[in-house]
C-alpha atoms as a PDB file:
ATOM      1  CA  UNK A   1     -30.300  41.084 -13.053  1.00  0.00           C
ATOM      2  CA  UNK A   2     -31.025  42.301  -9.763  1.00  0.00           C
ATOM      3  CA  UNK A   3     -33.464  44.378  -9.138  1.00  0.00           C
ATOM      4  CA  UNK A   4     -33.645  47.621  -7.289  1.00  0.00           C
ATOM      5  CA  UNK A   5     -37.049  47.389  -5.735  1.00  0.00           C
ATOM      6  CA  UNK A   6     -37.538  49.553  -2.560  1.00  0.00           C
ATOM      7  CA  UNK A   7     -40.353  50.579  -0.190  1.00  0.00           C
ATOM      8  CA  UNK A   8     -41.361  54.180  -0.177  1.00  0.00           C
ATOM      9  CA  UNK A   9     -41.274  54.708   3.099  1.00  0.00           C
ATOM     10  CA  UNK A  10     -40.755  52.190   6.473  1.00  0.00           C
ATOM     11  CA  UNK A  11     -43.505  50.030   6.371  1.00  0.00           C
ATOM     12  CA  UNK A  12     -45.478  51.083   3.293  1.00  0.00           C
ATOM     13  CA  UNK A  13     -47.477  49.216   0.907  1.00  0.00           C
ATOM     14  CA  UNK A  14     -45.344  50.442  -1.945  1.00  0.00           C
ATOM     15  CA  UNK A  15     -42.640  49.898  -3.284  1.00  0.00           C
ATOM     16  CA  UNK A  16     -40.740  51.400  -6.135  1.00  0.00           C
ATOM     17  CA  UNK A  17     -38.348  50.126  -8.948  1.00  0.00           C
ATOM     18  CA  UNK A  18     -36.395  53.309 -10.747  1.00  0.00           C
ATOM     19  CA  UNK A  19     -35.528  52.186 -14.135  1.00  0.00           C
ATOM     20  CA  UNK A  20     -35.435  53.163 -17.541  1.00  0.00           C
ATOM     21  CA  UNK A  21     -38.661  52.478 -20.266  1.00  0.00           C
ATOM     22  CA  UNK A  22     -37.299  49.484 -22.179  1.00  0.00           C
ATOM     23  CA  UNK A  23     -40.714  49.184 -24.501  1.00  0.00           C
ATOM     24  CA  UNK A  24     -41.711  50.874 -27.470  1.00  0.00           C
ATOM     25  CA  UNK A  25     -43.148  54.625 -27.297  1.00  0.00           C
ATOM     26  CA  UNK A  26     -46.006  55.287 -25.844  1.00  0.00           C
ATOM     27  CA  UNK A  27     -48.291  58.504 -26.173  1.00  0.00           C
ATOM     28  CA  UNK A  28     -50.069  58.704 -22.773  1.00  0.00           C
ATOM     29  CA  UNK A  29     -53.266  60.604 -22.718  1.00  0.00           C
ATOM     30  CA  UNK A  30     -52.047  63.404 -21.243  1.00  0.00           C
ATOM     31  CA  UNK A  31     -49.852  64.324 -23.974  1.00  0.00           C
ATOM     32  CA  UNK A  32     -46.622  62.981 -22.828  1.00  0.00           C
ATOM     33  CA  UNK A  33     -44.675  60.454 -24.944  1.00  0.00           C
ATOM     34  CA  UNK A  34     -42.308  57.850 -22.893  1.00  0.00           C
ATOM     35  CA  UNK A  35     -39.524  56.616 -24.765  1.00  0.00           C
ATOM     36  CA  UNK A  36     -36.948  54.176 -24.830  1.00  0.00           C
ATOM     37  CA  UNK A  37     -34.610  54.988 -22.273  1.00  0.00           C
ATOM     38  CA  UNK A  38     -36.700  57.488 -20.470  1.00  0.00           C
ATOM     39  CA  UNK A  39     -36.577  57.350 -16.679  1.00  0.00           C
ATOM     40  CA  UNK A  40     -39.934  55.902 -14.920  1.00  0.00           C
ATOM     41  CA  UNK A  41     -40.993  54.604 -11.660  1.00  0.00           C
ATOM     42  CA  UNK A  42     -42.657  50.988 -11.599  1.00  0.00           C
ATOM     43  CA  UNK A  43     -44.798  50.449  -8.678  1.00  0.00           C
ATOM     44  CA  UNK A  44     -44.458  47.419  -7.031  1.00  0.00           C
ATOM     45  CA  UNK A  45     -46.691  46.127  -3.825  1.00  0.00           C
ATOM     46  CA  UNK A  46     -44.998  45.536  -1.072  1.00  0.00           C
ATOM     47  CA  UNK A  47     -45.627  41.598  -0.700  1.00  0.00           C
ATOM     48  CA  UNK A  48     -44.504  41.801   2.961  1.00  0.00           C
ATOM     49  CA  UNK A  49     -46.580  44.411   4.304  1.00  0.00           C
ATOM     50  CA  UNK A  50     -49.663  42.631   2.636  1.00  0.00           C
ATOM     51  CA  UNK A  51     -48.730  39.189   4.277  1.00  0.00           C
ATOM     52  CA  UNK A  52     -48.197  41.115   7.721  1.00  0.00           C
ATOM     53  CA  UNK A  53     -51.649  42.681   7.744  1.00  0.00           C
ATOM     54  CA  UNK A  54     -53.390  39.298   6.241  1.00  0.00           C
ATOM     55  CA  UNK A  55     -51.702  37.811   8.977  1.00  0.00           C
ATOM     56  CA  UNK A  56     -52.787  39.794  12.073  1.00  0.00           C
ATOM     57  CA  UNK A  57     -56.477  40.470  10.753  1.00  0.00           C
ATOM     58  CA  UNK A  58     -58.862  38.170  11.545  1.00  0.00           C
ATOM     59  CA  UNK A  59     -60.526  35.796   9.397  1.00  0.00           C
ATOM     60  CA  UNK A  60     -58.412  34.350   6.783  1.00  0.00           C
ATOM     61  CA  UNK A  61     -58.522  35.520   2.854  1.00  0.00           C
ATOM     62  CA  UNK A  62     -59.491  38.633   1.866  1.00  0.00           C
ATOM     63  CA  UNK A  63     -62.357  38.734   4.394  1.00  0.00           C
ATOM     64  CA  UNK A  64     -59.634  39.287   6.775  1.00  0.00           C
ATOM     65  CA  UNK A  65     -57.720  41.943   4.385  1.00  0.00           C
ATOM     66  CA  UNK A  66     -57.985  45.881   5.833  1.00  0.00           C
ATOM     67  CA  UNK A  67     -60.757  47.293   3.828  1.00  0.00           C
ATOM     68  CA  UNK A  68     -58.728  50.726   3.323  1.00  0.00           C
ATOM     69  CA  UNK A  69     -56.094  48.947   1.292  1.00  0.00           C
ATOM     70  CA  UNK A  70     -56.866  51.734  -1.100  1.00  0.00           C
ATOM     71  CA  UNK A  71     -56.277  54.659   0.886  1.00  0.00           C
ATOM     72  CA  UNK A  72     -52.663  53.188   1.976  1.00  0.00           C
ATOM     73  CA  UNK A  73     -52.197  53.233  -1.244  1.00  0.00           C
ATOM     74  CA  UNK A  74     -53.714  56.808  -2.349  1.00  0.00           C
ATOM     75  CA  UNK A  75     -51.852  58.103   0.346  1.00  0.00           C
ATOM     76  CA  UNK A  76     -48.440  56.390  -0.583  1.00  0.00           C
ATOM     77  CA  UNK A  77     -49.523  57.805  -4.288  1.00  0.00           C
ATOM     78  CA  UNK A  78     -49.714  61.480  -2.416  1.00  0.00           C
ATOM     79  CA  UNK A  79     -46.163  60.825  -0.821  1.00  0.00           C
ATOM     80  CA  UNK A  80     -44.919  59.664  -4.215  1.00  0.00           C
ATOM     81  CA  UNK A  81     -46.110  62.413  -6.544  1.00  0.00           C
ATOM     82  CA  UNK A  82     -44.631  65.004  -3.872  1.00  0.00           C
ATOM     83  CA  UNK A  83     -40.816  63.199  -4.152  1.00  0.00           C
ATOM     84  CA  UNK A  84     -41.346  63.236  -8.031  1.00  0.00           C
ATOM     85  CA  UNK A  85     -41.961  66.993  -7.769  1.00  0.00           C
ATOM     86  CA  UNK A  86     -39.432  67.434  -5.809  1.00  0.00           C
ATOM     87  CA  UNK A  87     -36.581  66.000  -8.008  1.00  0.00           C
ATOM     88  CA  UNK A  88     -35.652  63.189  -5.759  1.00  0.00           C
ATOM     89  CA  UNK A  89     -36.018  60.344  -7.948  1.00  0.00           C
ATOM     90  CA  UNK A  90     -34.473  62.998 -10.914  1.00  0.00           C
ATOM     91  CA  UNK A  91     -36.504  63.961 -14.056  1.00  0.00           C
ATOM     92  CA  UNK A  92     -39.044  60.706 -14.182  1.00  0.00           C
ATOM     93  CA  UNK A  93     -40.920  61.018 -17.376  1.00  0.00           C
ATOM     94  CA  UNK A  94     -43.858  58.391 -16.129  1.00  0.00           C
ATOM     95  CA  UNK A  95     -45.172  56.397 -13.312  1.00  0.00           C
ATOM     96  CA  UNK A  96     -46.513  52.561 -14.148  1.00  0.00           C
ATOM     97  CA  UNK A  97     -47.295  49.318 -12.655  1.00  0.00           C
ATOM     98  CA  UNK A  98     -49.057  46.201 -13.563  1.00  0.00           C
ATOM     99  CA  UNK A  99     -52.514  45.373 -11.591  1.00  0.00           C
ATOM    100  CA  UNK A 100     -55.458  43.183 -11.486  1.00  0.00           C
ATOM    101  CA  UNK A 101     -57.196  46.274  -9.949  1.00  0.00           C
ATOM    102  CA  UNK A 102     -58.357  48.529 -12.975  1.00  0.00           C
ATOM    103  CA  UNK A 103     -60.948  50.349 -11.604  1.00  0.00           C
ATOM    104  CA  UNK A 104     -58.903  50.942  -8.771  1.00  0.00           C
ATOM    105  CA  UNK A 105     -56.424  52.218 -10.828  1.00  0.00           C
ATOM    106  CA  UNK A 106     -58.500  54.345 -12.897  1.00  0.00           C
ATOM    107  CA  UNK A 107     -59.766  56.305  -9.926  1.00  0.00           C
ATOM    108  CA  UNK A 108     -56.473  57.590  -8.651  1.00  0.00           C
ATOM    109  CA  UNK A 109     -55.819  58.734 -11.938  1.00  0.00           C
ATOM    110  CA  UNK A 110     -53.863  56.481 -14.102  1.00  0.00           C
ATOM    111  CA  UNK A 111     -54.487  55.378 -17.628  1.00  0.00           C
ATOM    112  CA  UNK A 112     -54.903  51.731 -17.884  1.00  0.00           C
ATOM    113  CA  UNK A 113     -53.595  49.730 -20.845  1.00  0.00           C
ATOM    114  CA  UNK A 114     -54.520  46.321 -21.424  1.00  0.00           C
ATOM    115  CA  UNK A 115     -51.327  43.811 -21.396  1.00  0.00           C
ATOM    116  CA  UNK A 116     -50.774  41.013 -24.209  1.00  0.00           C
ATOM    117  CA  UNK A 117     -51.961  37.837 -22.701  1.00  0.00           C
ATOM    118  CA  UNK A 118     -48.368  36.389 -22.957  1.00  0.00           C
ATOM    119  CA  UNK A 119     -47.258  33.377 -20.870  1.00  0.00           C
ATOM    120  CA  UNK A 120     -45.263  36.178 -18.443  1.00  0.00           C
ATOM    121  CA  UNK A 121     -48.591  38.201 -17.895  1.00  0.00           C
ATOM    122  CA  UNK A 122     -50.165  34.722 -17.069  1.00  0.00           C
ATOM    123  CA  UNK A 123     -47.649  34.167 -14.786  1.00  0.00           C
ATOM    124  CA  UNK A 124     -48.014  37.522 -13.267  1.00  0.00           C
ATOM    125  CA  UNK A 125     -51.778  37.291 -12.770  1.00  0.00           C
ATOM    126  CA  UNK A 126     -51.190  33.580 -10.735  1.00  0.00           C
ATOM    127  CA  UNK A 127     -48.920  35.371  -8.566  1.00  0.00           C
ATOM    128  CA  UNK A 128     -51.464  38.033  -7.858  1.00  0.00           C
ATOM    129  CA  UNK A 129     -54.199  35.847  -7.247  1.00  0.00           C
ATOM    130  CA  UNK A 130     -51.952  33.362  -5.086  1.00  0.00           C
ATOM    131  CA  UNK A 131     -51.172  36.117  -2.884  1.00  0.00           C
ATOM    132  CA  UNK A 132     -54.359  37.747  -2.249  1.00  0.00           C
ATOM    133  CA  UNK A 133     -55.761  33.785  -1.661  1.00  0.00           C
ATOM    134  CA  UNK A 134     -53.052  33.411   0.894  1.00  0.00           C
END
């Protein structure tokens, strides 16, 4: 399977993947129900954007990471909200992503659902931890 993940805009922290929901039906806190086959957008961090910022910052690891990461992400979400409202991606039912930053996701208005403790999730967490250490 080839993923169709694209940056939201040139030089953006956020990448998006327009896809169909493949899981069980999910009832969201706002009353919306996401059903199998519904069009959704999956959010991804732009690893190249993060690596570039880490390289160009002074220091190493998280100490050199831009303090404004939350604000870059918030700006990207505002652009995405406008584009979804304008119909750029069709009739999207929901926007979602996996993250280790639960508190920030809530602050941005996302509903946070705990993921099952599967091997796939453990590997994803290791990947995120490795990115943040580089």
